[in-house]
């Protein structure tokens, strides 16, 4: 399978210290996908990185709600919000890209989750479903019609990014072996189900690297 590099983009989601072993919201084995992501990046002219970038008082942090613990949920004006351990706080080492991530060719970094009262999983749209990040316009201006998504975590930020991309009319692929999941209460299975129902294609890195 050859990607049409002129009209395709690779979106690398949240490969940060906070989501890799040793981080504040570490996903088991998430550092193991980084070499594959670095290899994949060589196959694309357009590469976008996303970076979780929370203020200390962010609404999604369990610490900021009395009597709440991580992974409980609360109701916010835009719906149910999972509460997370404090992670990827702006300017901290936890928020930095993992040192093994080596993609000097990336042209754009989309920072998300920096509005104190809105969480943001998707690279395209914040969780209120009204506040865009500007990524859609950037890709359209660069004549991109196909996106390949990799990174952390498959069942949250990767899935939300993929679903938005598909809904916005991009042909969307998720490269399964270049992603890692949190898998909270069977969230991985439901994320894949939802992605496949929306026409998102699940592929392996070998299809691009072959």
N, C-alpha and C. Protein backbone atom coordinates (compact mmCIF):
# COMPACT_ATOMS: atom_id res chain seq x y z
N UNK A 1 0.85 -1.19 0.00
CA UNK A 1 0.00 0.00 0.00
C UNK A 1 0.88 1.24 0.00
N UNK A 2 0.77 2.04 -1.01
CA UNK A 2 1.60 3.25 -1.06
C UNK A 2 0.76 4.43 -0.64
N UNK A 3 1.26 5.24 0.29
CA UNK A 3 0.48 6.43 0.58
C UNK A 3 0.87 7.51 -0.42
N UNK A 4 -0.11 8.32 -0.82
CA UNK A 4 0.14 9.42 -1.74
C UNK A 4 0.70 10.54 -0.88
N UNK A 5 2.04 10.64 -0.83
CA UNK A 5 2.64 11.49 0.20
C UNK A 5 2.27 12.96 0.06
N UNK A 6 1.93 13.39 -1.15
CA UNK A 6 1.59 14.80 -1.33
C UNK A 6 0.27 15.16 -0.65
N UNK A 7 -0.65 14.20 -0.61
CA UNK A 7 -1.99 14.50 -0.07
C UNK A 7 -2.28 13.79 1.24
N UNK A 8 -1.23 13.23 1.85
CA UNK A 8 -1.41 12.50 3.11
C UNK A 8 -0.62 13.17 4.22
N UNK A 9 -1.14 13.04 5.43
CA UNK A 9 -0.42 13.56 6.59
C UNK A 9 -0.37 12.48 7.66
N UNK A 10 0.72 12.50 8.43
CA UNK A 10 0.83 11.65 9.61
C UNK A 10 0.57 12.53 10.83
N UNK A 11 -0.38 12.10 11.67
CA UNK A 11 -0.67 12.83 12.91
C UNK A 11 -0.16 11.98 14.08
N UNK A 12 0.81 12.52 14.81
CA UNK A 12 1.44 11.80 15.92
C UNK A 12 0.87 12.36 17.22
N UNK A 13 0.08 11.54 17.91
CA UNK A 13 -0.70 12.02 19.05
C UNK A 13 0.03 11.79 20.38
N UNK A 14 0.35 12.89 21.07
CA UNK A 14 0.72 12.88 22.50
C UNK A 14 1.83 11.90 22.90
N UNK A 15 2.91 11.86 22.12
CA UNK A 15 4.04 11.00 22.52
C UNK A 15 4.91 11.81 23.49
N UNK A 16 4.41 11.90 24.72
CA UNK A 16 4.99 12.77 25.74
C UNK A 16 5.43 11.96 26.96
N UNK A 17 6.31 12.55 27.75
CA UNK A 17 6.77 11.88 28.96
C UNK A 17 5.62 11.48 29.87
N UNK A 18 4.59 12.32 29.94
CA UNK A 18 3.47 12.06 30.84
C UNK A 18 2.71 10.78 30.55
N UNK A 19 2.75 10.33 29.29
CA UNK A 19 1.97 9.14 28.90
C UNK A 19 2.85 7.91 28.70
N UNK A 20 4.14 8.05 28.98
CA UNK A 20 5.06 6.92 28.79
C UNK A 20 5.59 6.49 30.17
N UNK A 21 6.16 5.30 30.28
CA UNK A 21 6.59 4.80 31.59
C UNK A 21 7.39 5.84 32.38
N UNK A 22 6.98 6.03 33.64
CA UNK A 22 7.61 7.05 34.48
C UNK A 22 6.82 8.35 34.52
N UNK A 23 5.85 8.49 33.62
CA UNK A 23 5.05 9.72 33.55
C UNK A 23 3.87 9.68 34.51
N UNK A 24 3.20 10.81 34.63
CA UNK A 24 2.09 10.93 35.60
C UNK A 24 0.82 10.20 35.16
N UNK A 25 0.70 9.91 33.87
CA UNK A 25 -0.46 9.14 33.37
C UNK A 25 0.10 8.11 32.38
N UNK A 26 1.03 7.30 32.89
CA UNK A 26 1.79 6.39 32.03
C UNK A 26 0.91 5.29 31.46
N UNK A 27 1.09 5.03 30.17
CA UNK A 27 0.42 3.93 29.49
C UNK A 27 1.47 2.83 29.33
N UNK A 28 1.17 1.65 29.84
CA UNK A 28 2.14 0.55 29.85
C UNK A 28 2.69 0.29 28.45
N UNK A 29 4.01 0.27 28.35
CA UNK A 29 4.66 -0.07 27.07
C UNK A 29 4.57 1.00 26.00
N UNK A 30 4.10 2.19 26.35
CA UNK A 30 3.90 3.21 25.31
C UNK A 30 5.21 3.67 24.67
N UNK A 31 6.33 3.52 25.39
CA UNK A 31 7.61 3.91 24.79
C UNK A 31 8.03 2.94 23.67
N UNK A 32 7.43 1.74 23.67
CA UNK A 32 7.83 0.72 22.68
C UNK A 32 7.38 1.06 21.26
N UNK A 33 6.41 1.94 21.11
CA UNK A 33 5.92 2.28 19.76
C UNK A 33 6.75 3.40 19.12
N UNK A 34 7.61 4.04 19.90
CA UNK A 34 8.29 5.24 19.38
C UNK A 34 9.21 4.94 18.19
N UNK A 35 10.01 3.85 18.21
CA UNK A 35 10.85 3.58 17.03
C UNK A 35 10.03 3.41 15.74
N UNK A 36 8.86 2.77 15.85
CA UNK A 36 8.01 2.59 14.66
C UNK A 36 7.49 3.94 14.18
N UNK A 37 7.09 4.80 15.12
CA UNK A 37 6.59 6.14 14.74
C UNK A 37 7.70 6.93 14.03
N UNK A 38 8.92 6.86 14.56
CA UNK A 38 10.04 7.57 13.92
C UNK A 38 10.25 7.08 12.49
N UNK A 39 10.15 5.77 12.28
CA UNK A 39 10.31 5.20 10.93
C UNK A 39 9.19 5.67 10.00
N UNK A 40 7.97 5.63 10.52
CA UNK A 40 6.82 6.03 9.71
C UNK A 40 6.94 7.49 9.25
N UNK A 41 7.46 8.34 10.13
CA UNK A 41 7.54 9.77 9.82
C UNK A 41 8.36 10.04 8.55
N UNK A 42 9.32 9.16 8.25
CA UNK A 42 10.14 9.33 7.04
C UNK A 42 9.32 9.17 5.76
N UNK A 43 8.15 8.54 5.88
CA UNK A 43 7.34 8.25 4.68
C UNK A 43 6.36 9.39 4.34
N UNK A 44 6.36 10.45 5.14
CA UNK A 44 5.36 11.51 4.96
C UNK A 44 6.02 12.87 4.79
N UNK A 45 5.48 13.65 3.85
CA UNK A 45 5.95 15.03 3.71
C UNK A 45 5.35 15.92 4.79
N UNK A 46 4.11 15.60 5.19
CA UNK A 46 3.43 16.43 6.19
C UNK A 46 3.26 15.63 7.47
N UNK A 47 3.88 16.13 8.55
CA UNK A 47 3.78 15.46 9.86
C UNK A 47 3.35 16.50 10.89
N UNK A 48 2.32 16.15 11.66
CA UNK A 48 1.79 17.04 12.70
C UNK A 48 1.95 16.31 14.04
N UNK A 49 2.44 17.00 15.06
CA UNK A 49 2.52 16.43 16.41
C UNK A 49 1.45 17.08 17.28
N UNK A 50 0.83 16.31 18.17
CA UNK A 50 -0.04 16.95 19.15
C UNK A 50 0.61 16.83 20.53
N UNK A 51 0.28 17.80 21.38
CA UNK A 51 0.91 17.87 22.70
C UNK A 51 -0.15 18.29 23.72
N UNK A 52 -0.43 17.41 24.66
CA UNK A 52 -1.31 17.73 25.77
C UNK A 52 -0.63 18.83 26.59
N UNK A 53 -1.37 19.91 26.92
CA UNK A 53 -0.70 21.10 27.47
C UNK A 53 -1.63 21.77 28.47
N UNK A 54 -1.74 21.15 29.65
CA UNK A 54 -2.76 21.57 30.61
C UNK A 54 -2.27 22.63 31.59
N UNK A 55 -3.13 23.61 31.92
CA UNK A 55 -2.82 24.47 33.07
C UNK A 55 -2.95 23.65 34.36
N UNK A 56 -2.27 24.09 35.40
CA UNK A 56 -2.26 23.37 36.67
C UNK A 56 -3.67 23.17 37.26
N UNK A 57 -4.55 24.14 37.00
CA UNK A 57 -5.90 24.08 37.58
C UNK A 57 -6.91 23.43 36.64
N UNK A 58 -6.44 22.61 35.71
CA UNK A 58 -7.34 22.08 34.67
C UNK A 58 -8.49 21.28 35.26
N UNK A 59 -9.66 21.46 34.63
CA UNK A 59 -10.91 20.85 35.11
C UNK A 59 -10.88 19.33 35.08
N UNK A 60 -10.00 18.73 34.26
CA UNK A 60 -9.98 17.26 34.14
C UNK A 60 -9.14 16.59 35.23
N UNK A 61 -8.46 17.38 36.07
CA UNK A 61 -7.59 16.78 37.09
C UNK A 61 -8.40 16.46 38.35
N UNK A 62 -8.35 15.21 38.78
CA UNK A 62 -9.08 14.80 40.00
C UNK A 62 -8.68 15.67 41.20
N UNK A 63 -7.40 16.05 41.27
CA UNK A 63 -6.90 16.88 42.38
C UNK A 63 -7.66 18.19 42.53
N UNK A 64 -8.24 18.66 41.43
CA UNK A 64 -8.92 19.96 41.46
C UNK A 64 -10.39 19.85 41.85
N UNK A 65 -10.83 18.66 42.28
CA UNK A 65 -12.22 18.45 42.70
C UNK A 65 -12.20 17.79 44.08
N UNK A 66 -12.88 18.41 45.04
CA UNK A 66 -12.90 17.85 46.41
C UNK A 66 -13.50 16.45 46.40
N UNK A 67 -12.91 15.55 47.17
CA UNK A 67 -13.44 14.18 47.38
C UNK A 67 -13.52 13.35 46.10
N UNK A 68 -12.71 13.69 45.09
CA UNK A 68 -12.73 12.90 43.86
C UNK A 68 -11.38 12.23 43.66
N UNK A 69 -11.41 11.05 43.04
CA UNK A 69 -10.15 10.35 42.76
C UNK A 69 -10.04 10.10 41.26
N UNK A 70 -8.81 9.89 40.77
CA UNK A 70 -8.64 9.64 39.34
C UNK A 70 -9.53 8.51 38.83
N UNK A 71 -10.02 8.69 37.61
CA UNK A 71 -10.84 7.73 36.85
C UNK A 71 -12.30 7.72 37.29
N UNK A 72 -12.67 8.54 38.31
CA UNK A 72 -14.09 8.79 38.54
C UNK A 72 -14.55 9.74 37.44
N UNK A 73 -15.86 9.93 37.32
CA UNK A 73 -16.36 10.87 36.30
C UNK A 73 -17.18 11.96 36.98
N UNK A 74 -17.27 13.10 36.30
CA UNK A 74 -18.15 14.18 36.73
C UNK A 74 -18.93 14.64 35.50
N UNK A 75 -20.00 15.38 35.73
CA UNK A 75 -20.77 15.94 34.62
C UNK A 75 -20.37 17.40 34.43
N UNK A 76 -20.04 17.76 33.21
CA UNK A 76 -19.72 19.15 32.87
C UNK A 76 -20.72 19.62 31.82
N UNK A 77 -20.77 20.92 31.53
CA UNK A 77 -21.76 21.41 30.56
C UNK A 77 -21.72 20.65 29.23
N UNK A 78 -20.54 20.12 28.86
CA UNK A 78 -20.45 19.41 27.58
C UNK A 78 -20.60 17.90 27.72
N UNK A 79 -20.88 17.40 28.93
CA UNK A 79 -21.10 15.95 29.07
C UNK A 79 -20.25 15.35 30.18
N UNK A 80 -20.10 14.02 30.12
CA UNK A 80 -19.37 13.29 31.16
C UNK A 80 -17.87 13.45 30.95
N UNK A 81 -17.17 13.77 32.03
CA UNK A 81 -15.73 13.97 31.97
C UNK A 81 -15.04 12.98 32.90
N UNK A 82 -14.10 12.20 32.35
CA UNK A 82 -13.26 11.34 33.20
C UNK A 82 -12.28 12.25 33.92
N UNK A 83 -12.06 12.00 35.21
CA UNK A 83 -11.05 12.75 35.96
C UNK A 83 -9.73 11.99 35.92
N UNK A 84 -8.66 12.72 35.63
CA UNK A 84 -7.36 12.09 35.43
C UNK A 84 -6.38 12.51 36.53
N UNK A 85 -5.34 11.71 36.76
CA UNK A 85 -4.25 12.21 37.60
C UNK A 85 -3.67 13.46 36.92
N UNK A 86 -3.11 14.36 37.70
CA UNK A 86 -2.52 15.58 37.12
C UNK A 86 -1.40 15.17 36.16
N UNK A 87 -1.45 15.64 34.92
CA UNK A 87 -0.46 15.21 33.92
C UNK A 87 -0.24 16.30 32.88
N UNK A 88 0.92 16.26 32.25
CA UNK A 88 1.25 17.16 31.13
C UNK A 88 0.92 18.61 31.44
N UNK A 89 1.35 19.04 32.63
CA UNK A 89 1.14 20.44 33.00
C UNK A 89 2.13 21.31 32.21
N UNK A 90 1.61 22.42 31.67
CA UNK A 90 2.39 23.32 30.81
C UNK A 90 3.77 23.61 31.39
N UNK A 91 4.80 23.43 30.56
CA UNK A 91 6.14 23.81 30.97
C UNK A 91 6.87 22.81 31.86
N UNK A 92 6.20 21.69 32.21
CA UNK A 92 6.88 20.69 33.05
C UNK A 92 7.52 19.62 32.17
N UNK A 93 8.40 18.85 32.77
CA UNK A 93 9.04 17.76 32.02
C UNK A 93 8.01 16.72 31.59
N UNK A 94 6.96 16.55 32.40
CA UNK A 94 5.90 15.59 32.09
C UNK A 94 5.24 15.92 30.75
N UNK A 95 5.18 17.21 30.41
CA UNK A 95 4.52 17.65 29.17
C UNK A 95 5.44 17.61 27.95
N UNK A 96 6.74 17.42 28.17
CA UNK A 96 7.67 17.43 27.03
C UNK A 96 7.51 16.17 26.18
N UNK A 97 7.87 16.30 24.91
CA UNK A 97 7.88 15.12 24.05
C UNK A 97 8.91 14.12 24.59
N UNK A 98 8.61 12.84 24.42
CA UNK A 98 9.53 11.80 24.88
C UNK A 98 10.88 11.98 24.17
N UNK A 99 11.99 11.85 24.89
CA UNK A 99 13.30 12.11 24.26
C UNK A 99 13.62 11.19 23.08
N UNK A 100 13.00 10.02 23.01
CA UNK A 100 13.26 9.12 21.88
C UNK A 100 12.49 9.51 20.61
N UNK A 101 11.49 10.37 20.76
CA UNK A 101 10.74 10.79 19.57
C UNK A 101 11.65 11.67 18.74
N UNK A 102 11.89 11.26 17.50
CA UNK A 102 12.87 11.96 16.67
C UNK A 102 12.26 12.24 15.31
N UNK A 103 11.52 13.36 15.25
CA UNK A 103 10.85 13.72 13.99
C UNK A 103 11.17 15.18 13.67
N UNK A 104 12.41 15.45 13.26
CA UNK A 104 12.79 16.84 13.00
C UNK A 104 11.99 17.48 11.86
N UNK A 105 11.34 16.64 11.03
CA UNK A 105 10.61 17.17 9.88
C UNK A 105 9.18 17.63 10.21
N UNK A 106 8.72 17.40 11.44
CA UNK A 106 7.34 17.80 11.78
C UNK A 106 7.18 19.31 11.60
N UNK A 107 6.08 19.71 10.93
CA UNK A 107 5.90 21.13 10.64
C UNK A 107 5.02 21.85 11.63
N UNK A 108 4.20 21.11 12.38
CA UNK A 108 3.19 21.77 13.21
C UNK A 108 3.04 21.01 14.52
N UNK A 109 2.94 21.77 15.61
CA UNK A 109 2.60 21.16 16.90
C UNK A 109 1.26 21.75 17.34
N UNK A 110 0.28 20.89 17.53
CA UNK A 110 -1.03 21.33 18.02
C UNK A 110 -1.06 21.07 19.52
N UNK A 111 -1.16 22.14 20.30
CA UNK A 111 -1.28 21.97 21.75
C UNK A 111 -2.75 21.92 22.11
N UNK A 112 -3.10 20.98 22.98
CA UNK A 112 -4.52 20.82 23.32
C UNK A 112 -4.71 20.70 24.82
N UNK A 113 -5.94 21.01 25.26
CA UNK A 113 -6.25 20.93 26.68
C UNK A 113 -5.73 22.11 27.48
N UNK A 114 -5.46 23.25 26.78
CA UNK A 114 -4.92 24.41 27.51
C UNK A 114 -6.01 25.35 28.01
N UNK A 115 -7.28 25.14 27.59
CA UNK A 115 -8.38 25.92 28.17
C UNK A 115 -8.75 25.28 29.51
N UNK A 116 -8.76 26.08 30.56
CA UNK A 116 -8.87 25.52 31.92
C UNK A 116 -10.17 24.75 32.14
N UNK A 117 -11.27 25.15 31.45
CA UNK A 117 -12.57 24.52 31.71
C UNK A 117 -13.02 23.51 30.65
N UNK A 118 -12.14 23.18 29.71
CA UNK A 118 -12.54 22.23 28.65
C UNK A 118 -11.41 21.22 28.48
N UNK A 119 -11.74 19.94 28.48
CA UNK A 119 -10.72 18.95 28.16
C UNK A 119 -10.64 18.83 26.65
N UNK A 120 -9.61 18.18 26.17
CA UNK A 120 -9.43 18.07 24.73
C UNK A 120 -8.66 16.80 24.42
N UNK A 121 -9.35 15.84 23.81
CA UNK A 121 -8.70 14.59 23.40
C UNK A 121 -8.31 14.65 21.92
N UNK A 122 -9.21 15.20 21.12
CA UNK A 122 -9.02 15.20 19.68
C UNK A 122 -8.05 16.28 19.24
N UNK A 123 -7.29 15.98 18.19
CA UNK A 123 -6.38 16.99 17.61
C UNK A 123 -7.16 18.05 16.83
N UNK A 124 -8.44 17.78 16.56
CA UNK A 124 -9.23 18.69 15.72
C UNK A 124 -10.18 19.60 16.51
N UNK A 125 -10.71 19.07 17.63
CA UNK A 125 -11.83 19.75 18.27
C UNK A 125 -11.79 19.48 19.77
N UNK A 126 -12.02 20.50 20.58
CA UNK A 126 -12.02 20.28 22.02
C UNK A 126 -13.29 19.55 22.45
N UNK A 127 -13.31 19.12 23.72
CA UNK A 127 -14.38 18.23 24.18
C UNK A 127 -15.75 18.90 24.24
N UNK A 128 -15.79 20.24 24.18
CA UNK A 128 -17.11 20.90 24.11
C UNK A 128 -17.73 20.75 22.72
N UNK A 129 -16.95 20.20 21.78
CA UNK A 129 -17.37 19.97 20.39
C UNK A 129 -17.66 21.27 19.64
N UNK A 130 -17.18 22.40 20.16
CA UNK A 130 -17.41 23.70 19.51
C UNK A 130 -16.11 24.43 19.22
N UNK A 131 -15.07 24.13 20.00
CA UNK A 131 -13.83 24.90 19.91
C UNK A 131 -12.82 24.16 19.04
N UNK A 132 -12.58 24.65 17.79
CA UNK A 132 -11.64 23.95 16.92
C UNK A 132 -10.19 24.29 17.25
N UNK A 133 -9.28 23.39 16.90
CA UNK A 133 -7.86 23.64 17.14
C UNK A 133 -7.20 24.34 15.95
N UNK A 134 -7.87 24.33 14.79
CA UNK A 134 -7.26 24.90 13.58
C UNK A 134 -6.61 23.86 12.69
N UNK A 135 -6.56 22.60 13.15
CA UNK A 135 -5.87 21.56 12.36
C UNK A 135 -6.58 21.28 11.04
N UNK A 136 -7.91 21.26 11.08
CA UNK A 136 -8.66 20.98 9.83
C UNK A 136 -8.27 21.98 8.74
N UNK A 137 -8.27 23.25 9.10
CA UNK A 137 -7.93 24.30 8.12
C UNK A 137 -6.51 24.17 7.61
N UNK A 138 -5.60 23.84 8.52
CA UNK A 138 -4.19 23.68 8.14
C UNK A 138 -4.05 22.57 7.10
N UNK A 139 -4.69 21.42 7.37
CA UNK A 139 -4.58 20.29 6.44
C UNK A 139 -5.22 20.61 5.10
N UNK A 140 -6.39 21.27 5.14
CA UNK A 140 -7.07 21.61 3.88
C UNK A 140 -6.23 22.57 3.05
N UNK A 141 -5.62 23.56 3.72
CA UNK A 141 -4.77 24.52 3.00
C UNK A 141 -3.59 23.82 2.33
N UNK A 142 -3.16 22.70 2.91
CA UNK A 142 -2.03 21.96 2.34
C UNK A 142 -2.50 20.81 1.44
N UNK A 143 -3.77 20.88 1.01
CA UNK A 143 -4.34 19.88 0.08
C UNK A 143 -4.24 18.44 0.60
N UNK A 144 -4.35 18.29 1.90
CA UNK A 144 -4.31 16.94 2.48
C UNK A 144 -5.73 16.38 2.50
N UNK A 145 -5.90 15.15 1.98
CA UNK A 145 -7.23 14.52 2.04
C UNK A 145 -7.23 13.19 2.80
N UNK A 146 -6.03 12.73 3.20
CA UNK A 146 -5.91 11.44 3.88
C UNK A 146 -5.01 11.60 5.10
N UNK A 147 -5.46 11.06 6.25
CA UNK A 147 -4.62 11.14 7.44
C UNK A 147 -4.36 9.75 8.01
N UNK A 148 -3.16 9.58 8.52
CA UNK A 148 -2.74 8.36 9.22
C UNK A 148 -2.44 8.79 10.65
N UNK A 149 -3.02 8.07 11.62
CA UNK A 149 -2.91 8.51 13.01
C UNK A 149 -2.18 7.45 13.84
N UNK A 150 -1.24 7.92 14.66
CA UNK A 150 -0.46 7.05 15.55
C UNK A 150 -0.35 7.74 16.91
N UNK A 151 0.07 6.98 17.95
CA UNK A 151 0.37 7.64 19.22
C UNK A 151 -0.39 7.07 20.40
N UNK A 152 -0.63 7.95 21.39
CA UNK A 152 -1.15 7.53 22.69
C UNK A 152 -2.36 8.40 23.04
N UNK A 153 -3.40 7.87 23.54
CA UNK A 153 -3.71 6.47 23.69
C UNK A 153 -4.76 6.09 22.65
N UNK A 154 -4.66 4.85 22.16
CA UNK A 154 -5.55 4.38 21.09
C UNK A 154 -7.01 4.67 21.41
N UNK A 155 -7.41 4.42 22.66
CA UNK A 155 -8.83 4.46 23.02
C UNK A 155 -9.32 5.84 23.48
N UNK A 156 -8.40 6.81 23.54
CA UNK A 156 -8.83 8.17 23.91
C UNK A 156 -8.41 9.16 22.82
N UNK A 157 -7.24 9.76 22.94
CA UNK A 157 -6.89 10.84 22.03
C UNK A 157 -6.74 10.39 20.57
N UNK A 158 -6.23 9.16 20.36
CA UNK A 158 -6.11 8.66 18.98
C UNK A 158 -7.51 8.44 18.39
N UNK A 159 -8.38 7.77 19.13
CA UNK A 159 -9.73 7.48 18.63
C UNK A 159 -10.52 8.76 18.37
N UNK A 160 -10.48 9.70 19.30
CA UNK A 160 -11.23 10.95 19.12
C UNK A 160 -10.71 11.72 17.91
N UNK A 161 -9.40 11.72 17.74
CA UNK A 161 -8.80 12.39 16.57
C UNK A 161 -9.26 11.73 15.28
N UNK A 162 -9.24 10.40 15.28
CA UNK A 162 -9.64 9.65 14.08
C UNK A 162 -11.11 9.88 13.75
N UNK A 163 -11.97 9.85 14.76
CA UNK A 163 -13.41 10.04 14.53
C UNK A 163 -13.68 11.44 13.98
N UNK A 164 -13.01 12.45 14.52
CA UNK A 164 -13.20 13.81 14.00
C UNK A 164 -12.68 13.91 12.57
N UNK A 165 -11.52 13.31 12.30
CA UNK A 165 -10.95 13.37 10.95
C UNK A 165 -11.93 12.78 9.94
N UNK A 166 -12.49 11.61 10.28
CA UNK A 166 -13.43 10.94 9.37
C UNK A 166 -14.68 11.80 9.17
N UNK A 167 -15.17 12.36 10.27
CA UNK A 167 -16.37 13.19 10.19
C UNK A 167 -16.13 14.45 9.36
N UNK A 168 -14.90 14.94 9.36
CA UNK A 168 -14.56 16.15 8.59
C UNK A 168 -14.22 15.84 7.14
N UNK A 169 -14.35 14.56 6.77
CA UNK A 169 -14.18 14.21 5.36
C UNK A 169 -12.80 13.72 4.95
N UNK A 170 -11.91 13.52 5.91
CA UNK A 170 -10.59 12.97 5.56
C UNK A 170 -10.69 11.45 5.52
N UNK A 171 -10.00 10.86 4.56
CA UNK A 171 -9.87 9.40 4.56
C UNK A 171 -8.92 9.08 5.72
N UNK A 172 -9.34 8.19 6.62
CA UNK A 172 -8.64 8.07 7.90
C UNK A 172 -8.17 6.65 8.18
N UNK A 173 -6.89 6.54 8.51
CA UNK A 173 -6.29 5.26 8.88
C UNK A 173 -5.71 5.38 10.28
N UNK A 174 -5.86 4.33 11.10
CA UNK A 174 -5.16 4.27 12.38
C UNK A 174 -4.17 3.11 12.27
N UNK A 175 -2.90 3.40 12.54
CA UNK A 175 -1.84 2.39 12.42
C UNK A 175 -1.71 1.71 13.78
N UNK A 176 -2.33 0.54 13.88
CA UNK A 176 -2.55 -0.10 15.19
C UNK A 176 -1.26 -0.35 15.98
N UNK A 177 -0.22 -0.86 15.31
CA UNK A 177 1.00 -1.21 16.06
C UNK A 177 1.88 0.01 16.35
N UNK A 178 1.41 1.20 15.96
CA UNK A 178 2.11 2.44 16.31
C UNK A 178 1.28 3.25 17.31
N UNK A 179 0.36 2.55 18.00
CA UNK A 179 -0.48 3.17 19.03
C UNK A 179 -0.43 2.30 20.28
N UNK A 180 -0.70 2.91 21.44
CA UNK A 180 -0.86 2.13 22.69
C UNK A 180 -2.11 2.62 23.39
N UNK A 181 -2.81 1.69 24.05
CA UNK A 181 -4.09 2.01 24.69
C UNK A 181 -3.99 2.03 26.21
N UNK A 182 -4.90 2.79 26.84
CA UNK A 182 -5.05 2.76 28.30
C UNK A 182 -5.92 1.54 28.67
N UNK A 183 -6.99 1.34 27.88
CA UNK A 183 -7.96 0.25 28.07
C UNK A 183 -8.57 0.26 29.47
N UNK A 184 -9.35 1.29 29.70
CA UNK A 184 -10.06 1.50 30.95
C UNK A 184 -11.49 0.98 30.77
N UNK A 185 -11.89 -0.03 31.55
CA UNK A 185 -13.25 -0.60 31.44
C UNK A 185 -13.64 -0.95 30.00
N UNK A 186 -12.77 -1.70 29.31
CA UNK A 186 -13.07 -2.15 27.95
C UNK A 186 -13.13 -1.01 26.93
N UNK A 187 -12.46 0.12 27.27
CA UNK A 187 -12.53 1.28 26.37
C UNK A 187 -11.86 1.02 25.02
N UNK A 188 -10.89 0.10 24.98
CA UNK A 188 -10.20 -0.16 23.71
C UNK A 188 -11.15 -0.82 22.72
N UNK A 189 -11.87 -1.84 23.18
CA UNK A 189 -12.81 -2.54 22.31
C UNK A 189 -13.87 -1.56 21.77
N UNK A 190 -14.44 -0.73 22.66
CA UNK A 190 -15.49 0.19 22.18
C UNK A 190 -14.92 1.24 21.24
N UNK A 191 -13.68 1.67 21.48
CA UNK A 191 -13.07 2.67 20.59
C UNK A 191 -12.91 2.09 19.18
N UNK A 192 -12.40 0.86 19.08
CA UNK A 192 -12.22 0.25 17.75
C UNK A 192 -13.57 0.04 17.08
N UNK A 193 -14.56 -0.39 17.86
CA UNK A 193 -15.88 -0.61 17.29
C UNK A 193 -16.41 0.68 16.67
N UNK A 194 -16.29 1.74 17.43
CA UNK A 194 -16.77 3.04 16.97
C UNK A 194 -15.99 3.52 15.74
N UNK A 195 -14.67 3.34 15.76
CA UNK A 195 -13.86 3.78 14.62
C UNK A 195 -14.22 3.00 13.35
N UNK A 196 -14.36 1.67 13.48
CA UNK A 196 -14.66 0.85 12.31
C UNK A 196 -16.05 1.18 11.76
N UNK A 197 -17.00 1.46 12.67
CA UNK A 197 -18.35 1.85 12.22
C UNK A 197 -18.33 3.14 11.42
N UNK A 198 -17.35 4.01 11.71
CA UNK A 198 -17.26 5.30 11.00
C UNK A 198 -16.32 5.24 9.80
N UNK A 199 -16.00 4.03 9.37
CA UNK A 199 -15.23 3.88 8.13
C UNK A 199 -13.73 4.11 8.28
N UNK A 200 -13.26 4.14 9.53
CA UNK A 200 -11.82 4.32 9.75
C UNK A 200 -11.13 2.98 9.53
N UNK A 201 -10.02 3.01 8.81
CA UNK A 201 -9.35 1.74 8.50
C UNK A 201 -8.24 1.45 9.50
N UNK A 202 -8.20 0.21 9.95
CA UNK A 202 -7.21 -0.23 10.94
C UNK A 202 -6.12 -0.96 10.18
N UNK A 203 -4.91 -0.43 10.21
CA UNK A 203 -3.82 -1.06 9.44
C UNK A 203 -2.59 -1.24 10.35
N UNK A 204 -1.61 -1.94 9.82
CA UNK A 204 -0.34 -2.15 10.54
C UNK A 204 0.74 -1.31 9.84
N UNK A 205 1.80 -1.00 10.59
CA UNK A 205 2.86 -0.14 10.03
C UNK A 205 3.52 -0.78 8.79
N UNK A 206 3.53 -2.12 8.72
CA UNK A 206 4.16 -2.80 7.59
C UNK A 206 3.52 -2.38 6.26
N UNK A 207 2.24 -2.02 6.30
CA UNK A 207 1.56 -1.60 5.07
C UNK A 207 2.17 -0.31 4.50
N UNK A 208 2.73 0.52 5.35
CA UNK A 208 3.35 1.78 4.91
C UNK A 208 4.84 1.58 4.69
N UNK A 209 5.47 0.79 5.57
CA UNK A 209 6.93 0.68 5.54
C UNK A 209 7.42 -0.33 4.49
N UNK A 210 6.50 -1.19 4.02
CA UNK A 210 6.89 -2.25 3.08
C UNK A 210 7.61 -1.68 1.87
